[in-house]
Amino acid sequence: MRENIGRVIVGHADTAELLLTGLIAGGHVLLEDVPGTGKTVLAKSLARSLACDFSRIQFTPDLLPSDITGSSVYSMQTGEFSFHPGPVFTHILLADEINRATPRTQAALLECMEERQVTEGGVTHPLERPFMVLATQNPVEIQGTFPLPEAQLDRFLMRLTPGYPDTEEALMILNRFIREEPLDTLAPVASREDILAAQDTFRETRVSEPVRAYIVALCEKTRTLENVSLGVSPRGMLALLRAGQALACVRGRSFVTPDDVQALAEPVLAHRIIVRSLFGAADAAKAVVRDVVAAVPVPTETIDP
């Protein structure tokens, strides 16, 4: 899947690896960057690499919760209400420009992302596995947007920032897209059963006691800093653990190392931190995580033969 995504996306190898990590861990990913950096194309490349259902929702201010989850429709023939599923009933859901929808519409995804179900009219409708939300948003433009609240951000396993390509990568993009659209010819390389098998077994990845203590120390450190008003919660700590297990699998290992934890610290923890007097400042939160990683001693262990 990583190689297949690379047929379309130039660079961003780390971002693609983290996307696969989120998929295996059963989490959701928020892609946050300025327009035109390939967020939507990256999400579509992941979706097309899977033989699974895919839906895309363009979030706008007039979007209603029922436009996402579905609604009950009255039938004149039967005299009964029947539920018509919305686009959220899929395997991979692309929520494009999620911060353009109103808070009420954004909240329609809370139950879907956490409980993997939709409740409508007192009836609960489960979502089929795998279910992953890939959301995009522009962090620069403020007018006409509604920032995601902390409860919504906490539902995302990771927040990723693809960034601009360097000069060599920019030339490769021009050469690759000059004659064709690689996304149109991208074929699936993994089935739904493959992903379900990975999601059912990744938790068997070994996490040693020192590495678990390292995860706890990193999260607790974020709660002791004077410039942080909201540190990482236990849910964030568990997210770092699960992401570490999934990343080790993606990298072909049966155990988690401190390097895995450090690679995931910023994308998993930064969006769960609020810096004092800088609400919503993503760069400041990332700097806090980098400082925490630098301050907490890295564990070492000896593997018995």
C-alpha atoms as a PDB file:
ATOM      1  CA  MET A   1       0.000   0.000   0.000  1.00  0.00           C
ATOM      2  CA  ARG A   2       2.852   2.380   0.782  1.00  0.00           C
ATOM      3  CA  GLU A   3       4.379   1.759  -2.648  1.00  0.00           C
ATOM      4  CA  ASN A   4       0.989   2.136  -4.318  1.00  0.00           C
ATOM      5  CA  ILE A   5       0.400   5.519  -2.694  1.00  0.00           C
ATOM      6  CA  GLY A   6       3.890   6.509  -3.897  1.00  0.00           C
ATOM      7  CA  ARG A   7       2.732   6.018  -7.496  1.00  0.00           C
ATOM      8  CA  VAL A   8       0.650   9.170  -7.064  1.00  0.00           C
ATOM      9  CA  ILE A   9       2.148  11.130  -4.176  1.00  0.00           C
ATOM     10  CA  VAL A  10       5.685  12.466  -4.586  1.00  0.00           C
ATOM     11  CA  GLY A  11       7.511  12.627  -1.263  1.00  0.00           C
ATOM     12  CA  HIS A  12       5.525  12.552   1.971  1.00  0.00           C
ATOM     13  CA  ALA A  13       6.757   9.004   2.631  1.00  0.00           C
ATOM     14  CA  ASP A  14       6.553   9.606   6.388  1.00  0.00           C
ATOM     15  CA  THR A  15       2.994  10.910   6.061  1.00  0.00           C
ATOM     16  CA  ALA A  16       1.934   7.846   4.050  1.00  0.00           C
ATOM     17  CA  GLU A  17       3.505   5.585   6.672  1.00  0.00           C
ATOM     18  CA  LEU A  18       1.584   7.340   9.432  1.00  0.00           C
ATOM     19  CA  LEU A  19      -1.657   7.091   7.440  1.00  0.00           C
ATOM     20  CA  LEU A  20      -1.212   3.330   7.247  1.00  0.00           C
ATOM     21  CA  THR A  21      -0.434   3.324  10.959  1.00  0.00           C
ATOM     22  CA  GLY A  22      -3.715   5.072  11.662  1.00  0.00           C
ATOM     23  CA  LEU A  23      -5.606   2.633   9.446  1.00  0.00           C
ATOM     24  CA  ILE A  24      -4.175  -0.450  11.156  1.00  0.00           C
ATOM     25  CA  ALA A  25      -4.720   1.062  14.609  1.00  0.00           C
ATOM     26  CA  GLY A  26      -8.376   1.671  13.739  1.00  0.00           C
ATOM     27  CA  GLY A  27      -7.971   5.426  14.242  1.00  0.00           C
ATOM     28  CA  HIS A  28      -8.896   8.574  12.349  1.00  0.00           C
ATOM     29  CA  VAL A  29      -6.477  11.088  10.846  1.00  0.00           C
ATOM     30  CA  LEU A  30      -6.718  14.861  10.425  1.00  0.00           C
ATOM     31  CA  LEU A  31      -4.688  16.297   7.529  1.00  0.00           C
ATOM     32  CA  GLU A  32      -4.025  19.951   8.246  1.00  0.00           C
ATOM     33  CA  ASP A  33      -2.174  22.193   5.808  1.00  0.00           C
ATOM     34  CA  VAL A  34      -2.618  25.082   3.386  1.00  0.00           C
ATOM     35  CA  PRO A  35      -4.576  24.474   0.156  1.00  0.00           C
ATOM     36  CA  GLY A  36      -2.851  22.713  -2.708  1.00  0.00           C
ATOM     37  CA  THR A  37      -0.402  20.571  -0.736  1.00  0.00           C
ATOM     38  CA  GLY A  38      -2.026  17.268  -1.708  1.00  0.00           C
ATOM     39  CA  LYS A  39      -4.171  16.492   1.333  1.00  0.00           C
ATOM     40  CA  THR A  40      -7.210  15.337  -0.628  1.00  0.00           C
ATOM     41  CA  VAL A  41      -5.126  13.466  -3.216  1.00  0.00           C
ATOM     42  CA  LEU A  42      -3.260  11.698  -0.409  1.00  0.00           C
ATOM     43  CA  ALA A  43      -6.537  10.608   1.189  1.00  0.00           C
ATOM     44  CA  LYS A  44      -7.930   9.411  -2.147  1.00  0.00           C
ATOM     45  CA  SER A  45      -4.721   7.495  -2.885  1.00  0.00           C
ATOM     46  CA  LEU A  46      -5.080   5.609   0.389  1.00  0.00           C
ATOM     47  CA  ALA A  47      -8.742   4.874  -0.306  1.00  0.00           C
ATOM     48  CA  ARG A  48      -8.083   3.628  -3.843  1.00  0.00           C
ATOM     49  CA  SER A  49      -5.316   1.352  -2.601  1.00  0.00           C
ATOM     50  CA  LEU A  50      -7.998  -0.546  -0.686  1.00  0.00           C
ATOM     51  CA  ALA A  51     -10.753  -2.718  -2.101  1.00  0.00           C
ATOM     52  CA  CYS A  52     -13.204  -1.011   0.275  1.00  0.00           C
ATOM     53  CA  ASP A  53     -16.089   1.431   0.038  1.00  0.00           C
ATOM     54  CA  PHE A  54     -15.165   5.109  -0.126  1.00  0.00           C
ATOM     55  CA  SER A  55     -17.253   8.256   0.375  1.00  0.00           C
ATOM     56  CA  ARG A  56     -16.366  11.932   0.206  1.00  0.00           C
ATOM     57  CA  ILE A  57     -18.241  14.769   1.897  1.00  0.00           C
ATOM     58  CA  GLN A  58     -17.504  18.393   1.036  1.00  0.00           C
ATOM     59  CA  PHE A  59     -18.147  20.240   4.285  1.00  0.00           C
ATOM     60  CA  THR A  60     -19.885  23.613   3.866  1.00  0.00           C
ATOM     61  CA  PRO A  61     -21.698  25.971   6.288  1.00  0.00           C
ATOM     62  CA  ASP A  62     -25.119  24.799   5.062  1.00  0.00           C
ATOM     63  CA  LEU A  63     -24.368  21.085   5.555  1.00  0.00           C
ATOM     64  CA  LEU A  64     -26.779  19.405   7.987  1.00  0.00           C
ATOM     65  CA  PRO A  65     -26.078  16.474  10.347  1.00  0.00           C
ATOM     66  CA  SER A  66     -28.548  14.316   8.427  1.00  0.00           C
ATOM     67  CA  ASP A  67     -26.544  14.951   5.239  1.00  0.00           C
ATOM     68  CA  ILE A  68     -23.765  12.942   6.917  1.00  0.00           C
ATOM     69  CA  THR A  69     -25.486  10.286   8.997  1.00  0.00           C
ATOM     70  CA  GLY A  70     -28.701   9.809   7.030  1.00  0.00           C
ATOM     71  CA  SER A  71     -32.346  10.249   8.050  1.00  0.00           C
ATOM     72  CA  SER A  72     -35.686   8.476   8.396  1.00  0.00           C
ATOM     73  CA  VAL A  73     -38.056   8.920   5.471  1.00  0.00           C
ATOM     74  CA  TYR A  74     -41.805   8.318   5.657  1.00  0.00           C
ATOM     75  CA  SER A  75     -43.253   5.967   3.050  1.00  0.00           C
ATOM     76  CA  MET A  76     -46.787   6.671   1.860  1.00  0.00           C
ATOM     77  CA  GLN A  77     -47.140   3.090   0.613  1.00  0.00           C
ATOM     78  CA  THR A  78     -46.254   1.331   3.889  1.00  0.00           C
ATOM     79  CA  GLY A  79     -47.160   4.097   6.326  1.00  0.00           C
ATOM     80  CA  GLU A  80     -43.837   3.579   8.105  1.00  0.00           C
ATOM     81  CA  PHE A  81     -40.534   5.380   8.476  1.00  0.00           C
ATOM     82  CA  SER A  82     -37.449   3.763   6.959  1.00  0.00           C
ATOM     83  CA  PHE A  83     -33.848   4.778   7.587  1.00  0.00           C
ATOM     84  CA  HIS A  84     -31.856   5.942   4.575  1.00  0.00           C
ATOM     85  CA  PRO A  85     -28.123   5.692   5.377  1.00  0.00           C
ATOM     86  CA  GLY A  86     -25.921   8.696   4.711  1.00  0.00           C
ATOM     87  CA  PRO A  87     -22.397   8.777   3.251  1.00  0.00           C
ATOM     88  CA  VAL A  88     -20.899   7.943   6.658  1.00  0.00           C
ATOM     89  CA  PHE A  89     -21.901   4.313   6.054  1.00  0.00           C
ATOM     90  CA  THR A  90     -18.686   3.432   4.279  1.00  0.00           C
ATOM     91  CA  HIS A  91     -15.204   2.128   5.059  1.00  0.00           C
ATOM     92  CA  ILE A  92     -13.078   5.183   4.235  1.00  0.00           C
ATOM     93  CA  LEU A  93     -14.738   8.578   4.684  1.00  0.00           C
ATOM     94  CA  LEU A  94     -13.070  11.728   3.364  1.00  0.00           C
ATOM     95  CA  ALA A  95     -14.360  14.764   5.279  1.00  0.00           C
ATOM     96  CA  ASP A  96     -13.009  17.561   3.096  1.00  0.00           C
ATOM     97  CA  GLU A  97     -12.534  20.977   4.746  1.00  0.00           C
ATOM     98  CA  ILE A  98     -14.197  19.763   7.919  1.00  0.00           C
ATOM     99  CA  ASN A  99     -13.804  23.116   9.698  1.00  0.00           C
ATOM    100  CA  ARG A 100     -16.153  24.824   7.206  1.00  0.00           C
ATOM    101  CA  ALA A 101     -19.202  23.090   8.681  1.00  0.00           C
ATOM    102  CA  THR A 102     -21.051  24.398  11.727  1.00  0.00           C
ATOM    103  CA  PRO A 103     -20.345  22.892  15.170  1.00  0.00           C
ATOM    104  CA  ARG A 104     -23.695  21.086  15.097  1.00  0.00           C
ATOM    105  CA  THR A 105     -22.756  19.313  11.873  1.00  0.00           C
ATOM    106  CA  GLN A 106     -19.239  18.570  13.111  1.00  0.00           C
ATOM    107  CA  ALA A 107     -20.756  16.973  16.207  1.00  0.00           C
ATOM    108  CA  ALA A 108     -22.635  14.504  13.994  1.00  0.00           C
ATOM    109  CA  LEU A 109     -19.314  12.714  13.521  1.00  0.00           C
ATOM    110  CA  LEU A 110     -18.588  12.311  17.244  1.00  0.00           C
ATOM    111  CA  GLU A 111     -20.627   9.136  17.738  1.00  0.00           C
ATOM    112  CA  CYS A 112     -19.508   7.759  14.380  1.00  0.00           C
ATOM    113  CA  MET A 113     -15.821   8.214  15.149  1.00  0.00           C
ATOM    114  CA  GLU A 114     -15.881   6.985  18.737  1.00  0.00           C
ATOM    115  CA  GLU A 115     -18.586   4.297  18.892  1.00  0.00           C
ATOM    116  CA  ARG A 116     -18.637   3.369  15.184  1.00  0.00           C
ATOM    117  CA  GLN A 117     -22.401   3.697  15.062  1.00  0.00           C
ATOM    118  CA  VAL A 118     -25.218   6.080  14.178  1.00  0.00           C
ATOM    119  CA  THR A 119     -28.256   6.576  16.400  1.00  0.00           C
ATOM    120  CA  GLU A 120     -31.327   7.978  14.659  1.00  0.00           C
ATOM    121  CA  GLY A 121     -34.867   7.938  15.958  1.00  0.00           C
ATOM    122  CA  GLY A 122     -33.827   5.860  18.956  1.00  0.00           C
ATOM    123  CA  VAL A 123     -32.432   3.096  16.741  1.00  0.00           C
ATOM    124  CA  THR A 124     -28.701   2.352  16.618  1.00  0.00           C
ATOM    125  CA  HIS A 125     -27.148   1.466  13.274  1.00  0.00           C
ATOM    126  CA  PRO A 126     -23.603   0.021  13.479  1.00  0.00           C
ATOM    127  CA  LEU A 127     -20.924   1.028  10.996  1.00  0.00           C
ATOM    128  CA  GLU A 128     -19.102  -1.751   9.198  1.00  0.00           C
ATOM    129  CA  ARG A 129     -15.404  -2.324   9.867  1.00  0.00           C
ATOM    130  CA  PRO A 130     -13.000  -1.010   8.896  1.00  0.00           C
ATOM    131  CA  PHE A 131     -14.171   2.564   9.384  1.00  0.00           C
ATOM    132  CA  MET A 132     -11.731   5.449   9.074  1.00  0.00           C
ATOM    133  CA  VAL A 133     -12.330   9.183   8.817  1.00  0.00           C
ATOM    134  CA  LEU A 134      -9.744  11.161   6.861  1.00  0.00           C
ATOM    135  CA  ALA A 135     -10.474  14.832   7.454  1.00  0.00           C
ATOM    136  CA  THR A 136      -8.761  17.840   5.889  1.00  0.00           C
ATOM    137  CA  GLN A 137      -8.686  21.436   6.987  1.00  0.00           C
ATOM    138  CA  ASN A 138      -6.907  24.684   6.197  1.00  0.00           C
ATOM    139  CA  PRO A 139      -5.305  26.144   9.350  1.00  0.00           C
ATOM    140  CA  VAL A 140      -4.583  29.557   7.801  1.00  0.00           C
ATOM    141  CA  GLU A 141      -7.972  30.788   6.613  1.00  0.00           C
ATOM    142  CA  ILE A 142     -10.195  31.939   9.477  1.00  0.00           C
ATOM    143  CA  GLN A 143     -13.148  33.667   7.805  1.00  0.00           C
ATOM    144  CA  GLY A 144     -16.086  31.304   7.286  1.00  0.00           C
ATOM    145  CA  THR A 145     -14.607  28.486   9.358  1.00  0.00           C
ATOM    146  CA  PHE A 146     -15.489  26.898  12.692  1.00  0.00           C
ATOM    147  CA  PRO A 147     -12.439  25.587  14.611  1.00  0.00           C
ATOM    148  CA  LEU A 148     -12.784  22.019  15.803  1.00  0.00           C
ATOM    149  CA  PRO A 149     -13.436  21.831  19.574  1.00  0.00           C
ATOM    150  CA  GLU A 150     -11.137  19.808  21.802  1.00  0.00           C
ATOM    151  CA  ALA A 151     -13.631  16.947  22.062  1.00  0.00           C
ATOM    152  CA  GLN A 152     -13.658  16.626  18.281  1.00  0.00           C
ATOM    153  CA  LEU A 153      -9.860  16.867  17.947  1.00  0.00           C
ATOM    154  CA  ASP A 154      -9.446  14.188  20.591  1.00  0.00           C
ATOM    155  CA  ARG A 155     -11.334  11.734  18.353  1.00  0.00           C
ATOM    156  CA  PHE A 156      -8.502  11.901  15.824  1.00  0.00           C
ATOM    157  CA  LEU A 157      -5.644   9.520  16.459  1.00  0.00           C
ATOM    158  CA  MET A 158      -3.204  11.784  14.615  1.00  0.00           C
ATOM    159  CA  ARG A 159      -2.937  15.214  13.062  1.00  0.00           C
ATOM    160  CA  LEU A 160      -0.557  15.300  10.106  1.00  0.00           C
ATOM    161  CA  THR A 161       0.905  18.216   8.143  1.00  0.00           C
ATOM    162  CA  PRO A 162       2.203  17.121   4.706  1.00  0.00           C
ATOM    163  CA  GLY A 163       3.959  20.436   3.942  1.00  0.00           C
ATOM    164  CA  TYR A 164       5.420  21.812   0.718  1.00  0.00           C
ATOM    165  CA  PRO A 165       7.664  19.667  -1.529  1.00  0.00           C
ATOM    166  CA  ASP A 166      11.318  20.563  -1.981  1.00  0.00           C
ATOM    167  CA  THR A 167      12.718  21.587  -5.387  1.00  0.00           C
ATOM    168  CA  GLU A 168      13.530  18.054  -6.523  1.00  0.00           C
ATOM    169  CA  GLU A 169      10.121  16.750  -5.459  1.00  0.00           C
ATOM    170  CA  ALA A 170       8.379  19.677  -7.192  1.00  0.00           C
ATOM    171  CA  LEU A 171      10.078  18.773 -10.488  1.00  0.00           C
ATOM    172  CA  MET A 172       9.049  15.144 -10.025  1.00  0.00           C
ATOM    173  CA  ILE A 173       5.435  16.261  -9.547  1.00  0.00           C
ATOM    174  CA  LEU A 174       5.486  18.174 -12.830  1.00  0.00           C
ATOM    175  CA  ASN A 175       7.051  15.242 -14.676  1.00  0.00           C
ATOM    176  CA  ARG A 176       4.574  12.750 -13.232  1.00  0.00           C
ATOM    177  CA  PHE A 177       1.432  14.756 -13.917  1.00  0.00           C
ATOM    178  CA  ILE A 178       2.391  16.362 -17.229  1.00  0.00           C
ATOM    179  CA  ARG A 179       0.745  13.681 -19.381  1.00  0.00           C
ATOM    180  CA  GLU A 180      -1.681  11.810 -17.145  1.00  0.00           C
ATOM    181  CA  GLU A 181      -3.508  11.694 -13.830  1.00  0.00           C
ATOM    182  CA  PRO A 182      -1.926   8.786 -11.870  1.00  0.00           C
ATOM    183  CA  LEU A 183      -4.834   8.688  -9.423  1.00  0.00           C
ATOM    184  CA  ASP A 184      -7.235   7.639 -12.197  1.00  0.00           C
ATOM    185  CA  THR A 185      -5.309   4.432 -12.878  1.00  0.00           C
ATOM    186  CA  LEU A 186      -4.526   3.503  -9.265  1.00  0.00           C
ATOM    187  CA  ALA A 187      -5.702  -0.036  -8.488  1.00  0.00           C
ATOM    188  CA  PRO A 188      -6.383  -1.649  -5.082  1.00  0.00           C
ATOM    189  CA  VAL A 189      -3.556  -3.708  -3.604  1.00  0.00           C
ATOM    190  CA  ALA A 190      -5.196  -4.767  -0.315  1.00  0.00           C
ATOM    191  CA  SER A 191      -8.602  -6.178   0.517  1.00  0.00           C
ATOM    192  CA  ARG A 192     -10.978  -5.448   3.357  1.00  0.00           C
ATOM    193  CA  GLU A 193     -10.075  -8.815   4.860  1.00  0.00           C
ATOM    194  CA  ASP A 194      -6.375  -7.862   4.852  1.00  0.00           C
ATOM    195  CA  ILE A 195      -7.061  -4.719   6.863  1.00  0.00           C
ATOM    196  CA  LEU A 196      -9.380  -6.498   9.295  1.00  0.00           C
ATOM    197  CA  ALA A 197      -6.725  -9.160   9.892  1.00  0.00           C
ATOM    198  CA  ALA A 198      -4.136  -6.467  10.609  1.00  0.00           C
ATOM    199  CA  GLN A 199      -6.513  -4.620  12.959  1.00  0.00           C
ATOM    200  CA  ASP A 200      -7.261  -7.831  14.828  1.00  0.00           C
ATOM    201  CA  THR A 201      -3.617  -8.782  15.373  1.00  0.00           C
ATOM    202  CA  PHE A 202      -1.589  -5.563  15.739  1.00  0.00           C
ATOM    203  CA  ARG A 203      -2.195  -5.423  19.498  1.00  0.00           C
ATOM    204  CA  GLU A 204      -0.080  -8.529  19.879  1.00  0.00           C
ATOM    205  CA  THR A 205       2.961  -6.338  19.180  1.00  0.00           C
ATOM    206  CA  ARG A 206       5.163  -6.408  22.278  1.00  0.00           C
ATOM    207  CA  VAL A 207       5.578  -3.232  24.308  1.00  0.00           C
ATOM    208  CA  SER A 208       8.211  -3.685  27.007  1.00  0.00           C
ATOM    209  CA  GLU A 209       7.861  -2.237  30.487  1.00  0.00           C
ATOM    210  CA  PRO A 210      10.513   0.487  29.914  1.00  0.00           C
ATOM    211  CA  VAL A 211       8.776   1.633  26.734  1.00  0.00           C
ATOM    212  CA  ARG A 212       5.407   1.730  28.511  1.00  0.00           C
ATOM    213  CA  ALA A 213       6.971   3.773  31.307  1.00  0.00           C
ATOM    214  CA  TYR A 214       8.447   6.084  28.652  1.00  0.00           C
ATOM    215  CA  ILE A 215       4.986   6.693  27.166  1.00  0.00           C
ATOM    216  CA  VAL A 216       3.588   7.493  30.615  1.00  0.00           C
ATOM    217  CA  ALA A 217       6.491   9.848  31.387  1.00  0.00           C
ATOM    218  CA  LEU A 218       6.006  11.777  28.127  1.00  0.00           C
ATOM    219  CA  CYS A 219       2.281  12.256  28.714  1.00  0.00           C
ATOM    220  CA  GLU A 220       2.672  13.202  32.373  1.00  0.00           C
ATOM    221  CA  LYS A 221       5.375  15.728  31.502  1.00  0.00           C
ATOM    222  CA  THR A 222       2.911  17.668  29.323  1.00  0.00           C
ATOM    223  CA  ARG A 223       0.686  18.218  32.380  1.00  0.00           C
ATOM    224  CA  THR A 224       3.437  19.767  34.503  1.00  0.00           C
ATOM    225  CA  LEU A 225       4.575  22.568  32.188  1.00  0.00           C
ATOM    226  CA  GLU A 226       3.657  26.114  33.219  1.00  0.00           C
ATOM    227  CA  ASN A 227       2.810  27.226  29.679  1.00  0.00           C
ATOM    228  CA  VAL A 228       0.365  24.334  29.142  1.00  0.00           C
ATOM    229  CA  SER A 229      -3.215  24.661  30.389  1.00  0.00           C
ATOM    230  CA  LEU A 230      -4.351  21.260  29.096  1.00  0.00           C
ATOM    231  CA  GLY A 231      -1.982  18.314  28.915  1.00  0.00           C
ATOM    232  CA  VAL A 232      -2.372  14.866  27.386  1.00  0.00           C
ATOM    233  CA  SER A 233      -5.249  12.821  28.809  1.00  0.00           C
ATOM    234  CA  PRO A 234      -5.261   9.059  29.484  1.00  0.00           C
ATOM    235  CA  ARG A 235      -7.069   8.654  26.151  1.00  0.00           C
ATOM    236  CA  GLY A 236      -4.109  10.344  24.460  1.00  0.00           C
ATOM    237  CA  MET A 237      -1.713   8.074  26.321  1.00  0.00           C
ATOM    238  CA  LEU A 238      -3.579   4.989  25.069  1.00  0.00           C
ATOM    239  CA  ALA A 239      -3.596   6.462  21.566  1.00  0.00           C
ATOM    240  CA  LEU A 240       0.205   6.766  21.667  1.00  0.00           C
ATOM    241  CA  LEU A 241       0.466   3.140  22.796  1.00  0.00           C
ATOM    242  CA  ARG A 242      -1.830   1.811  20.047  1.00  0.00           C
ATOM    243  CA  ALA A 243      -0.180   3.938  17.386  1.00  0.00           C
ATOM    244  CA  GLY A 244       3.220   2.663  18.496  1.00  0.00           C
ATOM    245  CA  GLN A 245       2.078  -0.949  18.122  1.00  0.00           C
ATOM    246  CA  ALA A 246       0.634  -0.257  14.659  1.00  0.00           C
ATOM    247  CA  LEU A 247       3.743   1.641  13.483  1.00  0.00           C
ATOM    248  CA  ALA A 248       5.966  -1.240  14.576  1.00  0.00           C
ATOM    249  CA  CYS A 249       3.833  -3.556  12.420  1.00  0.00           C
ATOM    250  CA  VAL A 250       4.083  -1.207   9.434  1.00  0.00           C
ATOM    251  CA  ARG A 251       7.853  -1.187   9.887  1.00  0.00           C
ATOM    252  CA  GLY A 252       7.947  -4.988  10.007  1.00  0.00           C
ATOM    253  CA  ARG A 253       8.689  -5.502  13.696  1.00  0.00           C
ATOM    254  CA  SER A 254       6.936  -7.426  16.463  1.00  0.00           C
ATOM    255  CA  PHE A 255       8.006  -4.991  19.204  1.00  0.00           C
ATOM    256  CA  VAL A 256       7.813  -1.248  19.863  1.00  0.00           C
ATOM    257  CA  THR A 257      10.974   0.820  20.302  1.00  0.00           C
ATOM    258  CA  PRO A 258      11.473   4.287  21.831  1.00  0.00           C
ATOM    259  CA  ASP A 259      12.156   5.524  18.274  1.00  0.00           C
ATOM    260  CA  ASP A 260       8.598   4.540  17.322  1.00  0.00           C
ATOM    261  CA  VAL A 261       7.229   6.493  20.274  1.00  0.00           C
ATOM    262  CA  GLN A 262       9.319   9.564  19.419  1.00  0.00           C
ATOM    263  CA  ALA A 263       8.221   9.448  15.766  1.00  0.00           C
ATOM    264  CA  LEU A 264       4.578   9.431  16.882  1.00  0.00           C
ATOM    265  CA  ALA A 265       4.777  11.893  19.780  1.00  0.00           C
ATOM    266  CA  GLU A 266       4.139  15.031  17.736  1.00  0.00           C
ATOM    267  CA  PRO A 267       1.356  13.752  15.410  1.00  0.00           C
ATOM    268  CA  VAL A 268      -0.448  11.916  18.235  1.00  0.00           C
ATOM    269  CA  LEU A 269      -0.034  14.341  21.155  1.00  0.00           C
ATOM    270  CA  ALA A 270       0.273  17.900  19.804  1.00  0.00           C
ATOM    271  CA  HIS A 271      -3.414  18.371  18.924  1.00  0.00           C
ATOM    272  CA  ARG A 272      -4.389  17.213  22.433  1.00  0.00           C
ATOM    273  CA  ILE A 273      -2.444  20.036  24.126  1.00  0.00           C
ATOM    274  CA  ILE A 274      -3.602  23.608  24.769  1.00  0.00           C
ATOM    275  CA  VAL A 275      -0.886  26.189  25.330  1.00  0.00           C
ATOM    276  CA  ARG A 276      -1.785  29.049  27.676  1.00  0.00           C
ATOM    277  CA  SER A 277      -2.972  32.215  25.893  1.00  0.00           C
ATOM    278  CA  LEU A 278      -2.473  30.479  22.537  1.00  0.00           C
ATOM    279  CA  PHE A 279      -5.685  28.524  21.987  1.00  0.00           C
ATOM    280  CA  GLY A 280      -5.559  26.724  18.643  1.00  0.00           C
ATOM    281  CA  ALA A 281      -1.865  27.465  18.048  1.00  0.00           C
ATOM    282  CA  ALA A 282      -0.707  24.219  16.460  1.00  0.00           C
ATOM    283  CA  ASP A 283       2.931  25.279  16.091  1.00  0.00           C
ATOM    284  CA  ALA A 284       3.194  26.151  19.788  1.00  0.00           C
ATOM    285  CA  ALA A 285       1.766  22.769  20.788  1.00  0.00           C
ATOM    286  CA  LYS A 286       4.220  20.980  18.477  1.00  0.00           C
ATOM    287  CA  ALA A 287       7.084  22.911  20.082  1.00  0.00           C
ATOM    288  CA  VAL A 288       5.877  21.772  23.518  1.00  0.00           C
ATOM    289  CA  VAL A 289       5.932  18.131  22.405  1.00  0.00           C
ATOM    290  CA  ARG A 290       9.427  18.503  20.973  1.00  0.00           C
ATOM    291  CA  ASP A 291      10.613  20.029  24.254  1.00  0.00           C
ATOM    292  CA  VAL A 292       9.013  17.191  26.223  1.00  0.00           C
ATOM    293  CA  VAL A 293      10.665  14.539  24.033  1.00  0.00           C
ATOM    294  CA  ALA A 294      14.020  16.248  24.521  1.00  0.00           C
ATOM    295  CA  ALA A 295      13.566  16.492  28.298  1.00  0.00           C
ATOM    296  CA  VAL A 296      12.350  12.970  29.151  1.00  0.00           C
ATOM    297  CA  PRO A 297      15.165  10.372  29.346  1.00  0.00           C
ATOM    298  CA  VAL A 298      14.999   7.697  26.654  1.00  0.00           C
ATOM    299  CA  PRO A 299      14.894   4.143  28.065  1.00  0.00           C
ATOM    300  CA  THR A 300      17.362   1.450  27.126  1.00  0.00           C
ATOM    301  CA  GLU A 301      16.929  -2.268  27.553  1.00  0.00           C
ATOM    302  CA  THR A 302      18.902  -5.420  27.091  1.00  0.00           C
ATOM    303  CA  ILE A 303      17.384  -8.214  25.054  1.00  0.00           C
ATOM    304  CA  ASP A 304      18.170 -11.617  26.511  1.00  0.00           C
ATOM    305  CA  PRO A 305      19.431 -14.116  23.912  1.00  0.00           C
END
